[in-house]
Amino acid sequence: MVVIRAHASEKASRLLEENVITLIVERNANKHQVKRFLEERFGVKVLDVRTLITSRGEKKAYVKLAPEFSAKDLSVKLGTV
């Protein structure tokens, strides 16, 4: 499994308005794996994936979804909201 959990923070909530969901992913997962996992598992279309390593050593992914899909709906499925 590539995605560990959804990340819930004030910034993550703000990004939901821009159709971007914030996830904590496995450290060895690359952008292509994150995109493929979400598209296959949840049936969404991913436009862009940006990643970074947090100060805690976790890998965070910002995933921009296509306009026809809702990041809010996906976050509900992941149990964030």
PDB file of N, CA and C in Angstrom:
ATOM      1  N   MET A   1       0.849  -1.176   0.000  1.00  0.00           N
ATOM      2  CA  MET A   1       0.000   0.000   0.000  1.00  0.00           C
ATOM      3  C   MET A   1       0.893   1.236   0.000  1.00  0.00           C
ATOM      4  N   VAL A   2       0.613   2.144  -0.872  1.00  0.00           N
ATOM      5  CA  VAL A   2       1.449   3.328  -1.044  1.00  0.00           C
ATOM      6  C   VAL A   2       1.070   4.417  -0.059  1.00  0.00           C
ATOM      7  N   VAL A   3      -0.224   4.650   0.112  1.00  0.00           N
ATOM      8  CA  VAL A   3      -0.710   5.723   0.992  1.00  0.00           C
ATOM      9  C   VAL A   3      -0.808   5.198   2.416  1.00  0.00           C
ATOM     10  N   ILE A   4      -0.201   5.906   3.345  1.00  0.00           N
ATOM     11  CA  ILE A   4      -0.264   5.522   4.753  1.00  0.00           C
ATOM     12  C   ILE A   4      -1.526   6.110   5.382  1.00  0.00           C
ATOM     13  N   ARG A   5      -1.714   7.416   5.194  1.00  0.00           N
ATOM     14  CA  ARG A   5      -2.908   8.079   5.733  1.00  0.00           C
ATOM     15  C   ARG A   5      -3.076   9.444   5.073  1.00  0.00           C
ATOM     16  N   ALA A   6      -4.246  10.008   5.233  1.00  0.00           N
ATOM     17  CA  ALA A   6      -4.479  11.378   4.777  1.00  0.00           C
ATOM     18  C   ALA A   6      -3.947  12.317   5.859  1.00  0.00           C
ATOM     19  N   HIS A   7      -3.444  13.444   5.443  1.00  0.00           N
ATOM     20  CA  HIS A   7      -2.889  14.413   6.385  1.00  0.00           C
ATOM     21  C   HIS A   7      -3.936  15.487   6.657  1.00  0.00           C
ATOM     22  N   ALA A   8      -4.238  15.716   7.918  1.00  0.00           N
ATOM     23  CA  ALA A   8      -5.238  16.711   8.295  1.00  0.00           C
ATOM     24  C   ALA A   8      -4.551  17.878   8.997  1.00  0.00           C
ATOM     25  N   SER A   9      -4.652  19.048   8.411  1.00  0.00           N
ATOM     26  CA  SER A   9      -4.116  20.260   9.006  1.00  0.00           C
ATOM     27  C   SER A   9      -4.897  21.435   8.441  1.00  0.00           C
ATOM     28  N   GLU A  10      -4.619  22.619   8.944  1.00  0.00           N
ATOM     29  CA  GLU A  10      -5.288  23.819   8.454  1.00  0.00           C
ATOM     30  C   GLU A  10      -4.954  24.056   6.974  1.00  0.00           C
ATOM     31  N   LYS A  11      -3.689  23.883   6.626  1.00  0.00           N
ATOM     32  CA  LYS A  11      -3.281  24.072   5.236  1.00  0.00           C
ATOM     33  C   LYS A  11      -3.930  23.017   4.333  1.00  0.00           C
ATOM     34  N   ALA A  12      -3.984  21.777   4.810  1.00  0.00           N
ATOM     35  CA  ALA A  12      -4.601  20.706   4.019  1.00  0.00           C
ATOM     36  C   ALA A  12      -6.082  21.005   3.769  1.00  0.00           C
ATOM     37  N   SER A  13      -6.754  21.554   4.761  1.00  0.00           N
ATOM     38  CA  SER A  13      -8.167  21.936   4.600  1.00  0.00           C
ATOM     39  C   SER A  13      -8.324  23.043   3.569  1.00  0.00           C
ATOM     40  N   ARG A  14      -7.420  24.003   3.582  1.00  0.00           N
ATOM     41  CA  ARG A  14      -7.451  25.093   2.607  1.00  0.00           C
ATOM     42  C   ARG A  14      -7.202  24.577   1.187  1.00  0.00           C
ATOM     43  N   LEU A  15      -6.290  23.635   1.069  1.00  0.00           N
ATOM     44  CA  LEU A  15      -5.967  23.075  -0.243  1.00  0.00           C
ATOM     45  C   LEU A  15      -7.114  22.254  -0.832  1.00  0.00           C
ATOM     46  N   LEU A  16      -7.990  21.713   0.023  1.00  0.00           N
ATOM     47  CA  LEU A  16      -9.153  20.988  -0.476  1.00  0.00           C
ATOM     48  C   LEU A  16     -10.012  21.877  -1.369  1.00  0.00           C
ATOM     49  N   GLU A  17     -10.044  23.173  -1.065  1.00  0.00           N
ATOM     50  CA  GLU A  17     -10.811  24.124  -1.879  1.00  0.00           C
ATOM     51  C   GLU A  17     -10.226  24.236  -3.288  1.00  0.00           C
ATOM     52  N   GLU A  18      -8.939  23.968  -3.429  1.00  0.00           N
ATOM     53  CA  GLU A  18      -8.260  24.026  -4.730  1.00  0.00           C
ATOM     54  C   GLU A  18      -8.194  22.641  -5.383  1.00  0.00           C
ATOM     55  N   ASN A  19      -8.953  21.672  -4.825  1.00  0.00           N
ATOM     56  CA  ASN A  19      -9.023  20.303  -5.326  1.00  0.00           C
ATOM     57  C   ASN A  19      -7.690  19.556  -5.182  1.00  0.00           C
ATOM     58  N   VAL A  20      -6.992  19.853  -4.085  1.00  0.00           N
ATOM     59  CA  VAL A  20      -5.719  19.193  -3.769  1.00  0.00           C
ATOM     60  C   VAL A  20      -5.883  18.458  -2.448  1.00  0.00           C
ATOM     61  N   ILE A  21      -5.505  17.179  -2.440  1.00  0.00           N
ATOM     62  CA  ILE A  21      -5.567  16.402  -1.203  1.00  0.00           C
ATOM     63  C   ILE A  21      -4.138  16.146  -0.725  1.00  0.00           C
ATOM     64  N   THR A  22      -3.929  16.197   0.578  1.00  0.00           N
ATOM     65  CA  THR A  22      -2.613  16.018   1.174  1.00  0.00           C
ATOM     66  C   THR A  22      -2.558  14.649   1.847  1.00  0.00           C
ATOM     67  N   LEU A  23      -1.545  13.870   1.488  1.00  0.00           N
ATOM     68  CA  LEU A  23      -1.415  12.508   1.989  1.00  0.00           C
ATOM     69  C   LEU A  23      -0.020  12.266   2.547  1.00  0.00           C
ATOM     70  N   ILE A  24       0.064  11.378   3.522  1.00  0.00           N
ATOM     71  CA  ILE A  24       1.349  10.864   3.974  1.00  0.00           C
ATOM     72  C   ILE A  24       1.504   9.519   3.266  1.00  0.00           C
ATOM     73  N   VAL A  25       2.610   9.361   2.549  1.00  0.00           N
ATOM     74  CA  VAL A  25       2.834   8.158   1.751  1.00  0.00           C
ATOM     75  C   VAL A  25       4.109   7.462   2.214  1.00  0.00           C
ATOM     76  N   GLU A  26       4.311   6.255   1.726  1.00  0.00           N
ATOM     77  CA  GLU A  26       5.527   5.524   2.070  1.00  0.00           C
ATOM     78  C   GLU A  26       6.747   6.287   1.583  1.00  0.00           C
ATOM     79  N   ARG A  27       7.794   6.234   2.334  1.00  0.00           N
ATOM     80  CA  ARG A  27       9.000   7.012   2.033  1.00  0.00           C
ATOM     81  C   ARG A  27       9.632   6.611   0.700  1.00  0.00           C
ATOM     82  N   ASN A  28       9.499   5.344   0.332  1.00  0.00           N
ATOM     83  CA  ASN A  28      10.113   4.885  -0.912  1.00  0.00           C
ATOM     84  C   ASN A  28       9.175   4.992  -2.122  1.00  0.00           C
ATOM     85  N   ALA A  29       7.960   5.476  -1.924  1.00  0.00           N
ATOM     86  CA  ALA A  29       6.999   5.611  -3.029  1.00  0.00           C
ATOM     87  C   ALA A  29       7.359   6.827  -3.884  1.00  0.00           C
ATOM     88  N   ASN A  30       7.259   6.653  -5.204  1.00  0.00           N
ATOM     89  CA  ASN A  30       7.517   7.796  -6.075  1.00  0.00           C
ATOM     90  C   ASN A  30       6.189   8.381  -6.568  1.00  0.00           C
ATOM     91  N   LYS A  31       6.264   9.491  -7.299  1.00  0.00           N
ATOM     92  CA  LYS A  31       5.070  10.199  -7.744  1.00  0.00           C
ATOM     93  C   LYS A  31       4.189   9.329  -8.631  1.00  0.00           C
ATOM     94  N   HIS A  32       4.816   8.549  -9.506  1.00  0.00           N
ATOM     95  CA  HIS A  32       4.058   7.693 -10.426  1.00  0.00           C
ATOM     96  C   HIS A  32       3.284   6.616  -9.662  1.00  0.00           C
ATOM     97  N   GLN A  33       3.890   6.072  -8.616  1.00  0.00           N
ATOM     98  CA  GLN A  33       3.217   5.050  -7.811  1.00  0.00           C
ATOM     99  C   GLN A  33       2.030   5.637  -7.056  1.00  0.00           C
ATOM    100  N   VAL A  34       2.185   6.850  -6.517  1.00  0.00           N
ATOM    101  CA  VAL A  34       1.094   7.508  -5.797  1.00  0.00           C
ATOM    102  C   VAL A  34      -0.061   7.757  -6.764  1.00  0.00           C
ATOM    103  N   LYS A  35       0.247   8.282  -7.946  1.00  0.00           N
ATOM    104  CA  LYS A  35      -0.779   8.563  -8.950  1.00  0.00           C
ATOM    105  C   LYS A  35      -1.509   7.285  -9.348  1.00  0.00           C
ATOM    106  N   ARG A  36      -0.758   6.243  -9.687  1.00  0.00           N
ATOM    107  CA  ARG A  36      -1.359   4.975 -10.109  1.00  0.00           C
ATOM    108  C   ARG A  36      -2.233   4.384  -9.007  1.00  0.00           C
ATOM    109  N   PHE A  37      -1.764   4.424  -7.761  1.00  0.00           N
ATOM    110  CA  PHE A  37      -2.511   3.876  -6.629  1.00  0.00           C
ATOM    111  C   PHE A  37      -3.866   4.569  -6.490  1.00  0.00           C
ATOM    112  N   LEU A  38      -3.878   5.905  -6.500  1.00  0.00           N
ATOM    113  CA  LEU A  38      -5.131   6.637  -6.319  1.00  0.00           C
ATOM    114  C   LEU A  38      -6.077   6.437  -7.493  1.00  0.00           C
ATOM    115  N   GLU A  39      -5.549   6.424  -8.706  1.00  0.00           N
ATOM    116  CA  GLU A  39      -6.407   6.251  -9.879  1.00  0.00           C
ATOM    117  C   GLU A  39      -7.036   4.859  -9.910  1.00  0.00           C
ATOM    118  N   GLU A  40      -6.266   3.841  -9.563  1.00  0.00           N
ATOM    119  CA  GLU A  40      -6.794   2.482  -9.582  1.00  0.00           C
ATOM    120  C   GLU A  40      -7.699   2.192  -8.392  1.00  0.00           C
ATOM    121  N   ARG A  41      -7.308   2.652  -7.216  1.00  0.00           N
ATOM    122  CA  ARG A  41      -8.043   2.329  -5.988  1.00  0.00           C
ATOM    123  C   ARG A  41      -9.335   3.120  -5.837  1.00  0.00           C
ATOM    124  N   PHE A  42      -9.306   4.403  -6.211  1.00  0.00           N
ATOM    125  CA  PHE A  42     -10.462   5.264  -5.971  1.00  0.00           C
ATOM    126  C   PHE A  42     -11.137   5.756  -7.243  1.00  0.00           C
ATOM    127  N   GLY A  43     -10.620   5.415  -8.408  1.00  0.00           N
ATOM    128  CA  GLY A  43     -11.256   5.780  -9.662  1.00  0.00           C
ATOM    129  C   GLY A  43     -11.278   7.271  -9.936  1.00  0.00           C
ATOM    130  N   VAL A  44     -10.228   7.980  -9.543  1.00  0.00           N
ATOM    131  CA  VAL A  44     -10.126   9.424  -9.794  1.00  0.00           C
ATOM    132  C   VAL A  44      -9.045   9.674 -10.838  1.00  0.00           C
ATOM    133  N   LYS A  45      -9.035  10.867 -11.404  1.00  0.00           N
ATOM    134  CA  LYS A  45      -7.986  11.242 -12.353  1.00  0.00           C
ATOM    135  C   LYS A  45      -7.067  12.245 -11.669  1.00  0.00           C
ATOM    136  N   VAL A  46      -5.793  11.901 -11.589  1.00  0.00           N
ATOM    137  CA  VAL A  46      -4.793  12.739 -10.934  1.00  0.00           C
ATOM    138  C   VAL A  46      -4.083  13.575 -11.995  1.00  0.00           C
ATOM    139  N   LEU A  47      -4.020  14.892 -11.770  1.00  0.00           N
ATOM    140  CA  LEU A  47      -3.333  15.788 -12.687  1.00  0.00           C
ATOM    141  C   LEU A  47      -1.871  15.982 -12.310  1.00  0.00           C
ATOM    142  N   ASP A  48      -1.577  16.082 -11.004  1.00  0.00           N
ATOM    143  CA  ASP A  48      -0.230  16.418 -10.565  1.00  0.00           C
ATOM    144  C   ASP A  48       0.030  15.855  -9.176  1.00  0.00           C
ATOM    145  N   VAL A  49       1.246  15.433  -8.935  1.00  0.00           N
ATOM    146  CA  VAL A  49       1.673  14.966  -7.614  1.00  0.00           C
ATOM    147  C   VAL A  49       2.970  15.687  -7.266  1.00  0.00           C
ATOM    148  N   ARG A  50       2.979  16.354  -6.127  1.00  0.00           N
ATOM    149  CA  ARG A  50       4.194  16.993  -5.617  1.00  0.00           C
ATOM    150  C   ARG A  50       4.512  16.340  -4.278  1.00  0.00           C
ATOM    151  N   THR A  51       5.776  16.048  -4.033  1.00  0.00           N
ATOM    152  CA  THR A  51       6.161  15.379  -2.788  1.00  0.00           C
ATOM    153  C   THR A  51       7.255  16.156  -2.070  1.00  0.00           C
ATOM    154  N   LEU A  52       7.338  15.902  -0.773  1.00  0.00           N
ATOM    155  CA  LEU A  52       8.406  16.467   0.048  1.00  0.00           C
ATOM    156  C   LEU A  52       8.602  15.586   1.264  1.00  0.00           C
ATOM    157  N   ILE A  53       9.763  15.697   1.865  1.00  0.00           N
ATOM    158  CA  ILE A  53      10.064  14.983   3.108  1.00  0.00           C
ATOM    159  C   ILE A  53       9.896  15.989   4.245  1.00  0.00           C
ATOM    160  N   THR A  54       9.055  15.650   5.226  1.00  0.00           N
ATOM    161  CA  THR A  54       8.805  16.550   6.346  1.00  0.00           C
ATOM    162  C   THR A  54       9.956  16.504   7.344  1.00  0.00           C
ATOM    163  N   SER A  55       9.930  17.411   8.285  1.00  0.00           N
ATOM    164  CA  SER A  55      10.969  17.439   9.317  1.00  0.00           C
ATOM    165  C   SER A  55      10.890  16.204  10.225  1.00  0.00           C
ATOM    166  N   ARG A  56       9.743  15.534  10.229  1.00  0.00           N
ATOM    167  CA  ARG A  56       9.580  14.306  10.998  1.00  0.00           C
ATOM    168  C   ARG A  56      10.109  13.086  10.252  1.00  0.00           C
ATOM    169  N   GLY A  57      10.515  13.287   8.995  1.00  0.00           N
ATOM    170  CA  GLY A  57      11.033  12.187   8.189  1.00  0.00           C
ATOM    171  C   GLY A  57       9.962  11.454   7.406  1.00  0.00           C
ATOM    172  N   GLU A  58       8.741  11.985   7.411  1.00  0.00           N
ATOM    173  CA  GLU A  58       7.659  11.382   6.647  1.00  0.00           C
ATOM    174  C   GLU A  58       7.622  11.994   5.248  1.00  0.00           C
ATOM    175  N   LYS A  59       7.108  11.243   4.290  1.00  0.00           N
ATOM    176  CA  LYS A  59       6.963  11.764   2.934  1.00  0.00           C
ATOM    177  C   LYS A  59       5.519  12.224   2.757  1.00  0.00           C
ATOM    178  N   LYS A  60       5.378  13.485   2.372  1.00  0.00           N
ATOM    179  CA  LYS A  60       4.060  14.077   2.177  1.00  0.00           C
ATOM    180  C   LYS A  60       3.846  14.293   0.686  1.00  0.00           C
ATOM    181  N   ALA A  61       2.638  13.984   0.207  1.00  0.00           N
ATOM    182  CA  ALA A  61       2.304  14.163  -1.202  1.00  0.00           C
ATOM    183  C   ALA A  61       1.106  15.094  -1.322  1.00  0.00           C
ATOM    184  N   TYR A  62       1.238  16.097  -2.180  1.00  0.00           N
ATOM    185  CA  TYR A  62       0.130  16.975  -2.527  1.00  0.00           C
ATOM    186  C   TYR A  62      -0.382  16.508  -3.877  1.00  0.00           C
ATOM    187  N   VAL A  63      -1.630  16.044  -3.923  1.00  0.00           N
ATOM    188  CA  VAL A  63      -2.186  15.442  -5.135  1.00  0.00           C
ATOM    189  C   VAL A  63      -3.310  16.316  -5.667  1.00  0.00           C
ATOM    190  N   LYS A  64      -3.127  16.839  -6.880  1.00  0.00           N
ATOM    191  CA  LYS A  64      -4.137  17.671  -7.544  1.00  0.00           C
ATOM    192  C   LYS A  64      -5.000  16.768  -8.409  1.00  0.00           C
ATOM    193  N   LEU A  65      -6.318  16.835  -8.172  1.00  0.00           N
ATOM    194  CA  LEU A  65      -7.257  16.017  -8.928  1.00  0.00           C
ATOM    195  C   LEU A  65      -7.842  16.805 -10.092  1.00  0.00           C
ATOM    196  N   ALA A  66      -8.306  16.078 -11.098  1.00  0.00           N
ATOM    197  CA  ALA A  66      -8.970  16.696 -12.242  1.00  0.00           C
ATOM    198  C   ALA A  66     -10.253  17.379 -11.761  1.00  0.00           C
ATOM    199  N   PRO A  67     -10.701  18.429 -12.466  1.00  0.00           N
ATOM    200  CA  PRO A  67     -11.878  19.193 -12.022  1.00  0.00           C
ATOM    201  C   PRO A  67     -13.155  18.368 -11.858  1.00  0.00           C
ATOM    202  N   GLU A  68     -13.279  17.276 -12.610  1.00  0.00           N
ATOM    203  CA  GLU A  68     -14.509  16.479 -12.510  1.00  0.00           C
ATOM    204  C   GLU A  68     -14.550  15.593 -11.266  1.00  0.00           C
ATOM    205  N   PHE A  69     -13.468  15.550 -10.496  1.00  0.00           N
ATOM    206  CA  PHE A  69     -13.416  14.783  -9.255  1.00  0.00           C
ATOM    207  C   PHE A  69     -13.216  15.734  -8.080  1.00  0.00           C
ATOM    208  N   SER A  70     -13.724  15.344  -6.926  1.00  0.00           N
ATOM    209  CA  SER A  70     -13.671  16.208  -5.747  1.00  0.00           C
ATOM    210  C   SER A  70     -12.671  15.685  -4.717  1.00  0.00           C
ATOM    211  N   ALA A  71     -11.744  16.538  -4.331  1.00  0.00           N
ATOM    212  CA  ALA A  71     -10.783  16.175  -3.282  1.00  0.00           C
ATOM    213  C   ALA A  71     -11.501  16.012  -1.949  1.00  0.00           C
ATOM    214  N   LYS A  72     -12.574  16.781  -1.742  1.00  0.00           N
ATOM    215  CA  LYS A  72     -13.349  16.649  -0.494  1.00  0.00           C
ATOM    216  C   LYS A  72     -13.976  15.269  -0.400  1.00  0.00           C
ATOM    217  N   ASP A  73     -14.543  14.783  -1.515  1.00  0.00           N
ATOM    218  CA  ASP A  73     -15.147  13.441  -1.504  1.00  0.00           C
ATOM    219  C   ASP A  73     -14.101  12.375  -1.237  1.00  0.00           C
ATOM    220  N   LEU A  74     -12.928  12.524  -1.839  1.00  0.00           N
ATOM    221  CA  LEU A  74     -11.850  11.558  -1.622  1.00  0.00           C
ATOM    222  C   LEU A  74     -11.375  11.589  -0.173  1.00  0.00           C
ATOM    223  N   SER A  75     -11.296  12.767   0.405  1.00  0.00           N
ATOM    224  CA  SER A  75     -10.852  12.857   1.803  1.00  0.00           C
ATOM    225  C   SER A  75     -11.882  12.209   2.754  1.00  0.00           C
ATOM    226  N   VAL A  76     -13.159  12.277   2.387  1.00  0.00           N
ATOM    227  CA  VAL A  76     -14.188  11.597   3.181  1.00  0.00           C
ATOM    228  C   VAL A  76     -13.985  10.081   3.095  1.00  0.00           C
ATOM    229  N   LYS A  77     -13.689   9.584   1.890  1.00  0.00           N
ATOM    230  CA  LYS A  77     -13.438   8.142   1.717  1.00  0.00           C
ATOM    231  C   LYS A  77     -12.211   7.690   2.516  1.00  0.00           C
ATOM    232  N   LEU A  78     -11.223   8.580   2.618  1.00  0.00           N
ATOM    233  CA  LEU A  78     -10.006   8.253   3.363  1.00  0.00           C
ATOM    234  C   LEU A  78     -10.168   8.485   4.862  1.00  0.00           C
ATOM    235  N   GLY A  79     -11.293   9.085   5.272  1.00  0.00           N
ATOM    236  CA  GLY A  79     -11.581   9.268   6.686  1.00  0.00           C
ATOM    237  C   GLY A  79     -10.991  10.516   7.316  1.00  0.00           C
ATOM    238  N   THR A  80     -10.626  11.499   6.502  1.00  0.00           N
ATOM    239  CA  THR A  80     -10.048  12.723   7.049  1.00  0.00           C
ATOM    240  C   THR A  80     -11.129  13.660   7.568  1.00  0.00           C
ATOM    241  N   VAL A  81     -12.155  13.855   6.770  1.00  0.00           N
ATOM    242  CA  VAL A  81     -13.219  14.822   7.115  1.00  0.00           C
ATOM    243  C   VAL A  81     -14.379  14.084   7.730  1.00  0.00           C
TER     244      VAL A  81
END
